[in-house]
Amino acid sequence: MATIVTYDVPTKHVELKKTLFQLGYKDQIPDSTCKIIYLPNTTLYHETKTSEQVRNDVKNACTVLHIELERCIATAWTNWAAMCGKPFN
């Protein structure tokens, strides 16, 4: 099951993303219409983990990096609609 997560942290955004990338998370996904959907800055996608696993990965990564996790929502990536977005600089 694919899952999408969005979160808010006050610091260390780049470090958190790098940590989650090492666990298989992506900030862009292929799409037949857009070719690539670029997700918002603090939103990531995992192809095989459940919502609970994703939430726990984010919480654990924040603990290791000593980051306060202010908000976090993980949900199944189903029945979605997206705007293609622009590549990150």
N, C-alpha and C. Protein backbone atom coordinates (compact mmCIF):
# COMPACT_ATOMS: atom_id res chain seq x y z
N MET A 1 0.84 -1.18 0.00
CA MET A 1 0.00 0.00 0.00
C MET A 1 0.89 1.24 0.00
N ALA A 2 0.64 2.16 -0.89
CA ALA A 2 1.39 3.41 -0.94
C ALA A 2 0.80 4.41 0.05
N THR A 3 1.67 5.22 0.63
CA THR A 3 1.26 6.19 1.65
C THR A 3 1.92 7.52 1.39
N ILE A 4 1.19 8.60 1.67
CA ILE A 4 1.71 9.95 1.59
C ILE A 4 1.72 10.53 3.00
N VAL A 5 2.74 11.33 3.31
CA VAL A 5 2.85 11.94 4.63
C VAL A 5 3.18 13.42 4.46
N THR A 6 2.58 14.22 5.30
CA THR A 6 2.94 15.63 5.36
C THR A 6 3.20 15.96 6.83
N TYR A 7 4.15 16.84 7.06
CA TYR A 7 4.59 17.12 8.43
C TYR A 7 5.08 18.54 8.54
N ASP A 8 5.15 19.04 9.76
CA ASP A 8 5.74 20.34 10.06
C ASP A 8 6.78 20.16 11.14
N VAL A 9 7.96 20.71 10.89
CA VAL A 9 9.04 20.75 11.88
C VAL A 9 9.62 22.17 11.86
N PRO A 10 10.06 22.67 13.02
CA PRO A 10 10.56 24.04 13.06
C PRO A 10 11.99 24.20 12.53
N THR A 11 12.76 23.11 12.50
CA THR A 11 14.16 23.19 12.07
C THR A 11 14.57 21.89 11.38
N LYS A 12 15.72 21.91 10.79
CA LYS A 12 16.37 20.73 10.21
C LYS A 12 15.52 20.02 9.15
N HIS A 13 14.83 20.81 8.32
CA HIS A 13 14.00 20.23 7.25
C HIS A 13 14.82 19.34 6.33
N VAL A 14 15.98 19.84 5.91
CA VAL A 14 16.82 19.11 4.96
C VAL A 14 17.33 17.81 5.58
N GLU A 15 17.77 17.87 6.83
CA GLU A 15 18.27 16.67 7.49
C GLU A 15 17.18 15.60 7.63
N LEU A 16 15.97 16.04 7.95
CA LEU A 16 14.87 15.10 8.09
C LEU A 16 14.55 14.44 6.75
N LYS A 17 14.48 15.23 5.69
CA LYS A 17 14.21 14.66 4.37
C LYS A 17 15.29 13.67 3.97
N LYS A 18 16.54 14.01 4.18
CA LYS A 18 17.64 13.10 3.82
C LYS A 18 17.52 11.79 4.58
N THR A 19 17.17 11.86 5.85
CA THR A 19 17.00 10.66 6.65
C THR A 19 15.87 9.80 6.11
N LEU A 20 14.77 10.42 5.75
CA LEU A 20 13.62 9.67 5.23
C LEU A 20 13.89 9.14 3.82
N PHE A 21 14.66 9.87 3.02
CA PHE A 21 15.05 9.35 1.70
C PHE A 21 15.81 8.03 1.86
N GLN A 22 16.64 7.93 2.88
CA GLN A 22 17.41 6.71 3.12
C GLN A 22 16.50 5.53 3.47
N LEU A 23 15.28 5.82 3.92
CA LEU A 23 14.31 4.77 4.25
C LEU A 23 13.37 4.48 3.08
N GLY A 24 13.64 5.07 1.91
CA GLY A 24 12.85 4.77 0.72
C GLY A 24 11.76 5.78 0.39
N TYR A 25 11.73 6.90 1.08
CA TYR A 25 10.73 7.94 0.79
C TYR A 25 11.16 8.76 -0.42
N LYS A 26 10.16 9.33 -1.11
CA LYS A 26 10.42 10.14 -2.31
C LYS A 26 9.65 11.44 -2.23
N ASP A 27 10.19 12.49 -2.85
CA ASP A 27 9.50 13.77 -2.91
C ASP A 27 8.90 14.03 -4.29
N GLN A 28 8.96 13.01 -5.14
CA GLN A 28 8.35 13.09 -6.47
C GLN A 28 7.99 11.67 -6.89
N ILE A 29 6.93 11.58 -7.69
CA ILE A 29 6.49 10.26 -8.15
C ILE A 29 6.10 10.33 -9.61
N PRO A 30 6.27 9.24 -10.35
CA PRO A 30 5.88 9.22 -11.76
C PRO A 30 4.36 9.28 -11.92
N ASP A 31 3.92 9.86 -13.02
CA ASP A 31 2.49 9.99 -13.29
C ASP A 31 2.29 9.97 -14.80
N SER A 32 1.21 9.39 -15.25
CA SER A 32 0.97 9.30 -16.69
C SER A 32 0.62 10.65 -17.32
N THR A 33 -0.01 11.54 -16.57
CA THR A 33 -0.39 12.85 -17.10
C THR A 33 0.75 13.85 -17.01
N CYS A 34 1.38 13.94 -15.86
CA CYS A 34 2.41 14.94 -15.60
C CYS A 34 3.82 14.45 -15.92
N LYS A 35 4.01 13.20 -16.10
CA LYS A 35 5.31 12.52 -16.14
C LYS A 35 5.88 12.42 -14.73
N ILE A 36 5.96 13.55 -14.02
CA ILE A 36 6.42 13.54 -12.63
C ILE A 36 5.55 14.49 -11.82
N ILE A 37 5.07 14.02 -10.67
CA ILE A 37 4.38 14.89 -9.72
C ILE A 37 5.40 15.27 -8.66
N TYR A 38 5.62 16.57 -8.49
CA TYR A 38 6.54 17.07 -7.47
C TYR A 38 5.70 17.41 -6.25
N LEU A 39 5.97 16.74 -5.15
CA LEU A 39 5.18 16.93 -3.92
C LEU A 39 5.58 18.23 -3.22
N PRO A 40 4.69 18.79 -2.40
CA PRO A 40 5.04 19.97 -1.61
C PRO A 40 6.25 19.71 -0.72
N ASN A 41 6.88 20.76 -0.27
CA ASN A 41 8.17 20.70 0.41
C ASN A 41 8.23 19.73 1.60
N THR A 42 7.23 19.69 2.44
CA THR A 42 7.28 18.78 3.59
C THR A 42 6.26 17.64 3.43
N THR A 43 6.20 17.12 2.23
CA THR A 43 5.33 15.99 1.92
C THR A 43 6.17 14.94 1.23
N LEU A 44 6.03 13.70 1.66
CA LEU A 44 6.78 12.60 1.06
C LEU A 44 5.86 11.42 0.78
N TYR A 45 6.36 10.51 -0.02
CA TYR A 45 5.61 9.35 -0.48
C TYR A 45 6.44 8.09 -0.23
N HIS A 46 5.77 7.04 0.22
CA HIS A 46 6.44 5.73 0.32
C HIS A 46 5.56 4.71 -0.37
N GLU A 47 6.16 3.91 -1.20
CA GLU A 47 5.42 3.00 -2.07
C GLU A 47 4.80 1.81 -1.35
N THR A 48 5.39 1.36 -0.23
CA THR A 48 4.92 0.10 0.35
C THR A 48 4.53 0.15 1.82
N LYS A 49 4.77 1.23 2.52
CA LYS A 49 4.50 1.26 3.96
C LYS A 49 3.08 1.71 4.27
N THR A 50 2.58 1.25 5.42
CA THR A 50 1.25 1.67 5.88
C THR A 50 1.33 3.06 6.50
N SER A 51 0.18 3.64 6.73
CA SER A 51 0.12 4.96 7.36
C SER A 51 0.80 4.96 8.72
N GLU A 52 0.57 3.93 9.50
CA GLU A 52 1.16 3.85 10.83
C GLU A 52 2.68 3.73 10.76
N GLN A 53 3.18 2.90 9.84
CA GLN A 53 4.63 2.76 9.67
C GLN A 53 5.27 4.08 9.26
N VAL A 54 4.62 4.78 8.36
CA VAL A 54 5.14 6.06 7.89
C VAL A 54 5.17 7.08 9.02
N ARG A 55 4.07 7.18 9.74
CA ARG A 55 4.03 8.11 10.88
C ARG A 55 5.15 7.78 11.87
N ASN A 56 5.33 6.51 12.15
CA ASN A 56 6.37 6.10 13.10
C ASN A 56 7.77 6.40 12.57
N ASP A 57 7.99 6.22 11.27
CA ASP A 57 9.28 6.57 10.69
C ASP A 57 9.59 8.05 10.88
N VAL A 58 8.60 8.89 10.64
CA VAL A 58 8.80 10.34 10.79
C VAL A 58 9.08 10.67 12.26
N LYS A 59 8.29 10.11 13.16
CA LYS A 59 8.50 10.35 14.59
C LYS A 59 9.89 9.89 15.04
N ASN A 60 10.29 8.70 14.62
CA ASN A 60 11.60 8.16 15.01
C ASN A 60 12.73 8.99 14.44
N ALA A 61 12.61 9.41 13.19
CA ALA A 61 13.65 10.24 12.57
C ALA A 61 13.78 11.57 13.31
N CYS A 62 12.66 12.14 13.71
CA CYS A 62 12.69 13.40 14.46
C CYS A 62 13.37 13.20 15.82
N THR A 63 13.09 12.09 16.47
CA THR A 63 13.71 11.81 17.76
C THR A 63 15.23 11.70 17.61
N VAL A 64 15.67 10.95 16.62
CA VAL A 64 17.11 10.76 16.39
C VAL A 64 17.79 12.09 16.07
N LEU A 65 17.12 12.94 15.28
CA LEU A 65 17.69 14.22 14.87
C LEU A 65 17.44 15.34 15.88
N HIS A 66 16.75 15.03 16.97
CA HIS A 66 16.41 16.03 18.01
C HIS A 66 15.61 17.20 17.41
N ILE A 67 14.56 16.82 16.67
CA ILE A 67 13.67 17.79 16.04
C ILE A 67 12.29 17.65 16.68
N GLU A 68 11.65 18.77 16.94
CA GLU A 68 10.27 18.73 17.42
C GLU A 68 9.35 18.51 16.23
N LEU A 69 8.56 17.44 16.28
CA LEU A 69 7.56 17.18 15.24
C LEU A 69 6.28 17.88 15.66
N GLU A 70 5.95 18.96 14.95
CA GLU A 70 4.80 19.78 15.33
C GLU A 70 3.48 19.21 14.83
N ARG A 71 3.49 18.70 13.61
CA ARG A 71 2.30 18.12 13.00
C ARG A 71 2.71 17.02 12.04
N CYS A 72 1.85 16.01 11.89
CA CYS A 72 2.16 14.90 10.97
C CYS A 72 0.86 14.18 10.62
N ILE A 73 0.63 14.02 9.34
CA ILE A 73 -0.52 13.25 8.87
C ILE A 73 -0.02 12.29 7.79
N ALA A 74 -0.30 11.01 7.98
CA ALA A 74 0.03 9.99 6.98
C ALA A 74 -1.26 9.30 6.57
N THR A 75 -1.42 9.10 5.27
CA THR A 75 -2.65 8.48 4.78
C THR A 75 -2.38 7.67 3.52
N ALA A 76 -3.24 6.71 3.25
CA ALA A 76 -3.11 5.89 2.04
C ALA A 76 -3.23 6.77 0.80
N TRP A 77 -2.40 6.48 -0.17
CA TRP A 77 -2.36 7.23 -1.43
C TRP A 77 -3.35 6.56 -2.38
N THR A 78 -4.63 6.89 -2.21
CA THR A 78 -5.69 6.33 -3.05
C THR A 78 -6.64 7.43 -3.46
N ASN A 79 -7.30 7.23 -4.59
CA ASN A 79 -8.32 8.16 -5.06
C ASN A 79 -7.86 9.62 -4.96
N TRP A 80 -6.75 9.92 -5.56
CA TRP A 80 -6.12 11.23 -5.42
C TRP A 80 -6.20 12.05 -6.70
N ALA A 81 -6.01 13.33 -6.53
CA ALA A 81 -5.87 14.27 -7.65
C ALA A 81 -4.71 15.18 -7.30
N ALA A 82 -3.90 15.54 -8.27
CA ALA A 82 -2.71 16.32 -7.99
C ALA A 82 -2.47 17.38 -9.06
N MET A 83 -1.73 18.39 -8.69
CA MET A 83 -1.17 19.36 -9.61
C MET A 83 0.27 18.93 -9.83
N CYS A 84 0.76 18.96 -11.05
CA CYS A 84 2.09 18.43 -11.34
C CYS A 84 3.19 19.10 -10.51
N GLY A 85 3.12 20.39 -10.31
CA GLY A 85 4.14 21.09 -9.54
C GLY A 85 5.38 21.35 -10.37
N LYS A 86 6.31 22.07 -9.77
CA LYS A 86 7.58 22.41 -10.42
C LYS A 86 8.71 21.70 -9.69
N PRO A 87 9.78 21.35 -10.42
CA PRO A 87 10.92 20.71 -9.76
C PRO A 87 11.52 21.59 -8.67
N PHE A 88 12.09 20.97 -7.65
CA PHE A 88 12.77 21.70 -6.61
C PHE A 88 14.09 22.23 -7.14
N ASN A 89 14.50 23.38 -6.65
CA ASN A 89 15.80 23.96 -7.04
C ASN A 89 16.91 23.39 -6.22
